[in-house]
Amino acid sequence: MDTIIYTINSNGKLLGYIDVKSFLSRPRNIKIGECVTKPEITVTVDKDREDAAKLFLEYDLLELPVIDHDGNLLGAITIDDILDVLVSEYSEDLLKYGGIIEALKGSYITSNPLKLALRIIPMIIYLYLMNSITGSIIATFTNVIEIFALLAAFLPMLADNSGNIGAQSSSLIIRSLALGEVRISRQYIY
């Protein structure tokens, strides 16, 4: 990774950057202003972190200067910072995919089971309601069959909910595996 130094004017406005390696290989009498490269991409302080991550991915950046609306240099975002953002955003998206409304703070394994249950209950209730409607529609046609056929009307609800709960649980475990919170041991495989 090349080391760069940002250059600013006396008012703090970003002028550009200098690649330290190429600067040190130039003749001693060269002026700093001749070595400055104007940055092609900057990000303002009010920009969303996801937008900054997209810039890193799109332009293969290692560092991105952060400026205010007047062009003053406030700092820089490094690739390490962006990797943390990408992991966080991916985890949030994975949890939403699993039907969990609010993202987990911290590890799934060490989270309170009651809090985990409260986060997935709204989706489970919604699914029960939808499956109850399906069961009710099927139940209207059971008068043709025997009385015990009424119980068969609720089989789709039970089957669907077990699948939905399993999908939510598996998405949480997959997230934990991806983040290294859970490690698979050979002793549990056999």
C-alpha atoms as a PDB file:
ATOM      1  CA  MET A   1       0.000   0.000   0.000  1.00  0.00           C
ATOM      2  CA  ASP A   2       1.441   3.349  -1.022  1.00  0.00           C
ATOM      3  CA  THR A   3       1.600   6.069   1.588  1.00  0.00           C
ATOM      4  CA  ILE A   4       0.167   9.411   0.593  1.00  0.00           C
ATOM      5  CA  ILE A   5       0.196  12.826   2.212  1.00  0.00           C
ATOM      6  CA  TYR A   6      -2.629  15.281   1.577  1.00  0.00           C
ATOM      7  CA  THR A   7      -1.677  18.866   0.781  1.00  0.00           C
ATOM      8  CA  ILE A   8      -3.777  21.864   1.765  1.00  0.00           C
ATOM      9  CA  ASN A   9      -3.483  25.615   1.308  1.00  0.00           C
ATOM     10  CA  SER A  10      -3.236  28.099   4.187  1.00  0.00           C
ATOM     11  CA  ASN A  11      -7.044  28.054   4.561  1.00  0.00           C
ATOM     12  CA  GLY A  12      -7.204  24.265   4.891  1.00  0.00           C
ATOM     13  CA  LYS A  13      -8.618  23.675   1.412  1.00  0.00           C
ATOM     14  CA  LEU A  14      -7.589  20.373  -0.153  1.00  0.00           C
ATOM     15  CA  LEU A  15      -5.164  20.868  -3.026  1.00  0.00           C
ATOM     16  CA  GLY A  16      -4.251  17.252  -3.660  1.00  0.00           C
ATOM     17  CA  TYR A  17      -1.980  14.512  -2.451  1.00  0.00           C
ATOM     18  CA  ILE A  18       1.632  13.424  -2.767  1.00  0.00           C
ATOM     19  CA  ASP A  19       2.701   9.809  -3.154  1.00  0.00           C
ATOM     20  CA  VAL A  20       5.569   9.568  -0.661  1.00  0.00           C
ATOM     21  CA  LYS A  21       7.481   6.872  -2.573  1.00  0.00           C
ATOM     22  CA  SER A  22       7.521   8.811  -5.842  1.00  0.00           C
ATOM     23  CA  PHE A  23       8.232  12.078  -4.002  1.00  0.00           C
ATOM     24  CA  LEU A  24      11.340  10.648  -2.340  1.00  0.00           C
ATOM     25  CA  SER A  25      12.671   9.387  -5.663  1.00  0.00           C
ATOM     26  CA  ARG A  26      12.535  12.865  -7.270  1.00  0.00           C
ATOM     27  CA  PRO A  27      15.399  15.386  -7.305  1.00  0.00           C
ATOM     28  CA  ARG A  28      15.877  17.425  -4.119  1.00  0.00           C
ATOM     29  CA  ASN A  29      15.358  20.787  -5.788  1.00  0.00           C
ATOM     30  CA  ILE A  30      11.812  19.990  -6.979  1.00  0.00           C
ATOM     31  CA  LYS A  31       9.012  21.974  -5.339  1.00  0.00           C
ATOM     32  CA  ILE A  32       6.239  20.202  -3.471  1.00  0.00           C
ATOM     33  CA  GLY A  33       3.604  21.887  -5.622  1.00  0.00           C
ATOM     34  CA  GLU A  34       5.013  20.119  -8.676  1.00  0.00           C
ATOM     35  CA  CYS A  35       4.461  16.713  -7.055  1.00  0.00           C
ATOM     36  CA  VAL A  36       0.848  17.256  -6.008  1.00  0.00           C
ATOM     37  CA  THR A  37      -1.790  15.149  -7.729  1.00  0.00           C
ATOM     38  CA  LYS A  38      -5.338  16.491  -7.665  1.00  0.00           C
ATOM     39  CA  PRO A  39      -7.695  13.886  -6.189  1.00  0.00           C
ATOM     40  CA  GLU A  40     -10.219  12.579  -8.693  1.00  0.00           C
ATOM     41  CA  ILE A  41     -12.696  11.549  -6.036  1.00  0.00           C
ATOM     42  CA  THR A  42     -13.564  13.089  -2.681  1.00  0.00           C
ATOM     43  CA  VAL A  43     -16.454  12.616  -0.325  1.00  0.00           C
ATOM     44  CA  THR A  44     -18.242  15.256   1.727  1.00  0.00           C
ATOM     45  CA  VAL A  45     -18.711  14.856   5.439  1.00  0.00           C
ATOM     46  CA  ASP A  46     -22.510  14.476   5.121  1.00  0.00           C
ATOM     47  CA  LYS A  47     -22.285  11.583   2.640  1.00  0.00           C
ATOM     48  CA  ASP A  48     -23.702   8.232   3.749  1.00  0.00           C
ATOM     49  CA  ARG A  49     -21.127   5.588   4.642  1.00  0.00           C
ATOM     50  CA  GLU A  50     -22.672   3.170   2.144  1.00  0.00           C
ATOM     51  CA  ASP A  51     -22.049   5.704  -0.631  1.00  0.00           C
ATOM     52  CA  ALA A  52     -18.404   5.978   0.422  1.00  0.00           C
ATOM     53  CA  ALA A  53     -18.116   2.176   0.375  1.00  0.00           C
ATOM     54  CA  LYS A  54     -19.545   2.104  -3.157  1.00  0.00           C
ATOM     55  CA  LEU A  55     -16.908   4.626  -4.263  1.00  0.00           C
ATOM     56  CA  PHE A  56     -14.153   2.432  -2.806  1.00  0.00           C
ATOM     57  CA  LEU A  57     -15.479  -0.597  -4.658  1.00  0.00           C
ATOM     58  CA  GLU A  58     -16.132   1.212  -7.928  1.00  0.00           C
ATOM     59  CA  TYR A  59     -12.757   2.965  -8.179  1.00  0.00           C
ATOM     60  CA  ASP A  60     -10.532   0.442  -6.311  1.00  0.00           C
ATOM     61  CA  LEU A  61      -9.500   3.052  -3.747  1.00  0.00           C
ATOM     62  CA  LEU A  62      -7.252   2.540  -0.742  1.00  0.00           C
ATOM     63  CA  GLU A  63      -7.982   5.941   0.783  1.00  0.00           C
ATOM     64  CA  LEU A  64     -10.571   8.658   0.233  1.00  0.00           C
ATOM     65  CA  PRO A  65     -10.275  12.284   1.407  1.00  0.00           C
ATOM     66  CA  VAL A  66     -13.214  13.722   3.358  1.00  0.00           C
ATOM     67  CA  ILE A  67     -13.953  17.402   2.794  1.00  0.00           C
ATOM     68  CA  ASP A  68     -16.579  19.884   3.938  1.00  0.00           C
ATOM     69  CA  HIS A  69     -18.760  21.869   1.535  1.00  0.00           C
ATOM     70  CA  ASP A  70     -16.057  24.540   1.198  1.00  0.00           C
ATOM     71  CA  GLY A  71     -13.446  21.988   0.101  1.00  0.00           C
ATOM     72  CA  ASN A  72     -11.550  21.988   3.400  1.00  0.00           C
ATOM     73  CA  LEU A  73      -9.858  18.705   4.268  1.00  0.00           C
ATOM     74  CA  LEU A  74     -11.378  17.103   7.359  1.00  0.00           C
ATOM     75  CA  GLY A  75      -9.702  13.700   7.208  1.00  0.00           C
ATOM     76  CA  ALA A  76      -9.519  10.517   5.187  1.00  0.00           C
ATOM     77  CA  ILE A  77     -11.330   7.198   5.086  1.00  0.00           C
ATOM     78  CA  THR A  78      -9.111   4.146   4.703  1.00  0.00           C
ATOM     79  CA  ILE A  79      -9.912   0.759   3.221  1.00  0.00           C
ATOM     80  CA  ASP A  80      -9.898  -0.695   6.762  1.00  0.00           C
ATOM     81  CA  ASP A  81     -12.753   1.627   7.724  1.00  0.00           C
ATOM     82  CA  ILE A  82     -14.708   0.640   4.629  1.00  0.00           C
ATOM     83  CA  LEU A  83     -14.273  -3.086   5.278  1.00  0.00           C
ATOM     84  CA  ASP A  84     -15.938  -2.587   8.672  1.00  0.00           C
ATOM     85  CA  VAL A  85     -18.792  -0.729   6.956  1.00  0.00           C
ATOM     86  CA  LEU A  86     -19.238  -3.472   4.356  1.00  0.00           C
ATOM     87  CA  VAL A  87     -19.373  -6.211   7.011  1.00  0.00           C
ATOM     88  CA  SER A  88     -21.895  -4.207   9.026  1.00  0.00           C
ATOM     89  CA  GLU A  89     -24.114  -3.478   6.008  1.00  0.00           C
ATOM     90  CA  TYR A  90     -23.947  -7.083   4.805  1.00  0.00           C
ATOM     91  CA  SER A  91     -24.948  -8.341   8.249  1.00  0.00           C
ATOM     92  CA  GLU A  92     -27.867  -5.915   8.349  1.00  0.00           C
ATOM     93  CA  ASP A  93     -29.036  -7.024   4.902  1.00  0.00           C
ATOM     94  CA  LEU A  94     -28.736 -10.682   5.881  1.00  0.00           C
ATOM     95  CA  LEU A  95     -30.834 -10.114   8.993  1.00  0.00           C
ATOM     96  CA  LYS A  96     -33.494  -8.315   6.970  1.00  0.00           C
ATOM     97  CA  TYR A  97     -33.506 -11.235   4.547  1.00  0.00           C
ATOM     98  CA  GLY A  98     -34.085 -13.555   7.485  1.00  0.00           C
ATOM     99  CA  GLY A  99     -37.145 -11.559   8.522  1.00  0.00           C
ATOM    100  CA  ILE A 100     -35.617  -9.909  11.547  1.00  0.00           C
ATOM    101  CA  ILE A 101     -36.807  -6.335  11.697  1.00  0.00           C
ATOM    102  CA  GLU A 102     -34.142  -4.774  13.895  1.00  0.00           C
ATOM    103  CA  ALA A 103     -30.491  -5.651  13.359  1.00  0.00           C
ATOM    104  CA  LEU A 104     -28.624  -7.371  16.159  1.00  0.00           C
ATOM    105  CA  LYS A 105     -26.161  -5.370  18.185  1.00  0.00           C
ATOM    106  CA  GLY A 106     -23.241  -7.653  18.976  1.00  0.00           C
ATOM    107  CA  SER A 107     -23.000 -11.402  18.736  1.00  0.00           C
ATOM    108  CA  TYR A 108     -25.978 -13.641  18.014  1.00  0.00           C
ATOM    109  CA  ILE A 109     -24.541 -16.323  20.271  1.00  0.00           C
ATOM    110  CA  THR A 110     -24.259 -14.070  23.325  1.00  0.00           C
ATOM    111  CA  SER A 111     -27.544 -12.214  22.734  1.00  0.00           C
ATOM    112  CA  ASN A 112     -30.461 -12.628  25.094  1.00  0.00           C
ATOM    113  CA  PRO A 113     -32.782 -15.370  23.722  1.00  0.00           C
ATOM    114  CA  LEU A 114     -35.859 -13.399  24.809  1.00  0.00           C
ATOM    115  CA  LYS A 115     -34.696 -10.329  22.864  1.00  0.00           C
ATOM    116  CA  LEU A 116     -33.989 -12.509  19.830  1.00  0.00           C
ATOM    117  CA  ALA A 117     -37.467 -14.010  20.058  1.00  0.00           C
ATOM    118  CA  LEU A 118     -39.056 -10.560  20.364  1.00  0.00           C
ATOM    119  CA  ARG A 119     -37.288  -9.466  17.180  1.00  0.00           C
ATOM    120  CA  ILE A 120     -38.627 -12.324  15.072  1.00  0.00           C
ATOM    121  CA  ILE A 121     -42.113 -12.546  16.602  1.00  0.00           C
ATOM    122  CA  PRO A 122     -43.661  -9.792  14.395  1.00  0.00           C
ATOM    123  CA  MET A 123     -42.767 -11.710  11.237  1.00  0.00           C
ATOM    124  CA  ILE A 124     -43.947 -15.007  12.712  1.00  0.00           C
ATOM    125  CA  ILE A 125     -47.289 -13.450  13.732  1.00  0.00           C
ATOM    126  CA  TYR A 126     -47.718 -12.039  10.238  1.00  0.00           C
ATOM    127  CA  LEU A 127     -46.994 -15.450   8.726  1.00  0.00           C
ATOM    128  CA  TYR A 128     -49.455 -17.137  11.120  1.00  0.00           C
ATOM    129  CA  LEU A 129     -52.151 -14.658  10.097  1.00  0.00           C
ATOM    130  CA  MET A 130     -51.547 -15.249   6.394  1.00  0.00           C
ATOM    131  CA  ASN A 131     -51.514 -19.001   6.900  1.00  0.00           C
ATOM    132  CA  SER A 132     -54.688 -18.802   9.008  1.00  0.00           C
ATOM    133  CA  ILE A 133     -56.443 -17.113   6.099  1.00  0.00           C
ATOM    134  CA  THR A 134     -55.245 -19.895   3.820  1.00  0.00           C
ATOM    135  CA  GLY A 135     -56.420 -22.470   6.340  1.00  0.00           C
ATOM    136  CA  SER A 136     -59.818 -20.758   6.623  1.00  0.00           C
ATOM    137  CA  ILE A 137     -60.293 -20.841   2.863  1.00  0.00           C
ATOM    138  CA  ILE A 138     -59.475 -24.536   2.804  1.00  0.00           C
ATOM    139  CA  ALA A 139     -61.741 -25.083   5.824  1.00  0.00           C
ATOM    140  CA  THR A 140     -64.765 -23.725   3.929  1.00  0.00           C
ATOM    141  CA  PHE A 141     -64.557 -26.732   1.624  1.00  0.00           C
ATOM    142  CA  THR A 142     -64.257 -29.372   4.349  1.00  0.00           C
ATOM    143  CA  ASN A 143     -68.013 -29.870   4.697  1.00  0.00           C
ATOM    144  CA  VAL A 144     -67.790 -32.274   1.777  1.00  0.00           C
ATOM    145  CA  ILE A 145     -65.367 -34.467   3.638  1.00  0.00           C
ATOM    146  CA  GLU A 146     -65.643 -35.896   7.128  1.00  0.00           C
ATOM    147  CA  ILE A 147     -65.372 -33.831  10.322  1.00  0.00           C
ATOM    148  CA  PHE A 148     -61.725 -34.795  10.834  1.00  0.00           C
ATOM    149  CA  ALA A 149     -60.840 -33.123   7.577  1.00  0.00           C
ATOM    150  CA  LEU A 150     -61.097 -29.802   9.435  1.00  0.00           C
ATOM    151  CA  LEU A 151     -57.742 -30.519  11.054  1.00  0.00           C
ATOM    152  CA  ALA A 152     -56.184 -30.923   7.609  1.00  0.00           C
ATOM    153  CA  ALA A 153     -57.016 -27.288   6.878  1.00  0.00           C
ATOM    154  CA  PHE A 154     -54.367 -26.172   9.358  1.00  0.00           C
ATOM    155  CA  LEU A 155     -51.579 -28.355   7.990  1.00  0.00           C
ATOM    156  CA  PRO A 156     -50.361 -25.659   5.553  1.00  0.00           C
ATOM    157  CA  MET A 157     -50.044 -23.225   8.450  1.00  0.00           C
ATOM    158  CA  LEU A 158     -47.935 -25.612  10.489  1.00  0.00           C
ATOM    159  CA  ALA A 159     -45.785 -26.625   7.531  1.00  0.00           C
ATOM    160  CA  ASP A 160     -45.197 -23.045   6.382  1.00  0.00           C
ATOM    161  CA  ASN A 161     -44.326 -21.728   9.811  1.00  0.00           C
ATOM    162  CA  SER A 162     -41.849 -24.465  10.562  1.00  0.00           C
ATOM    163  CA  GLY A 163     -40.108 -23.643   7.281  1.00  0.00           C
ATOM    164  CA  ASN A 164     -40.167 -19.908   7.955  1.00  0.00           C
ATOM    165  CA  ILE A 165     -38.794 -20.266  11.467  1.00  0.00           C
ATOM    166  CA  GLY A 166     -36.099 -22.590  10.139  1.00  0.00           C
ATOM    167  CA  ALA A 167     -35.125 -20.043   7.467  1.00  0.00           C
ATOM    168  CA  GLN A 168     -34.798 -17.293  10.074  1.00  0.00           C
ATOM    169  CA  SER A 169     -32.715 -19.477  12.363  1.00  0.00           C
ATOM    170  CA  SER A 170     -30.441 -20.594   9.550  1.00  0.00           C
ATOM    171  CA  SER A 171     -29.851 -17.003   8.409  1.00  0.00           C
ATOM    172  CA  LEU A 172     -28.753 -16.074  11.945  1.00  0.00           C
ATOM    173  CA  ILE A 173     -26.406 -19.058  12.173  1.00  0.00           C
ATOM    174  CA  ILE A 174     -24.958 -18.350   8.706  1.00  0.00           C
ATOM    175  CA  ARG A 175     -24.311 -14.745   9.768  1.00  0.00           C
ATOM    176  CA  SER A 176     -22.573 -15.937  12.928  1.00  0.00           C
ATOM    177  CA  LEU A 177     -20.438 -18.356  10.917  1.00  0.00           C
ATOM    178  CA  ALA A 178     -19.516 -15.631   8.422  1.00  0.00           C
ATOM    179  CA  LEU A 179     -18.476 -13.253  11.199  1.00  0.00           C
ATOM    180  CA  GLY A 180     -16.486 -15.949  13.010  1.00  0.00           C
ATOM    181  CA  GLU A 181     -18.752 -15.933  16.066  1.00  0.00           C
ATOM    182  CA  VAL A 182     -19.356 -19.685  15.694  1.00  0.00           C
ATOM    183  CA  ARG A 183     -16.710 -22.231  14.832  1.00  0.00           C
ATOM    184  CA  ILE A 184     -17.525 -25.739  13.651  1.00  0.00           C
ATOM    185  CA  SER A 185     -15.644 -28.415  15.566  1.00  0.00           C
ATOM    186  CA  ARG A 186     -14.958 -31.896  14.186  1.00  0.00           C
ATOM    187  CA  GLN A 187     -16.246 -33.488  17.386  1.00  0.00           C
ATOM    188  CA  TYR A 188     -19.792 -32.352  16.558  1.00  0.00           C
ATOM    189  CA  ILE A 189     -19.754 -33.616  12.970  1.00  0.00           C
ATOM    190  CA  TYR A 190     -19.834 -37.351  13.825  1.00  0.00           C
END
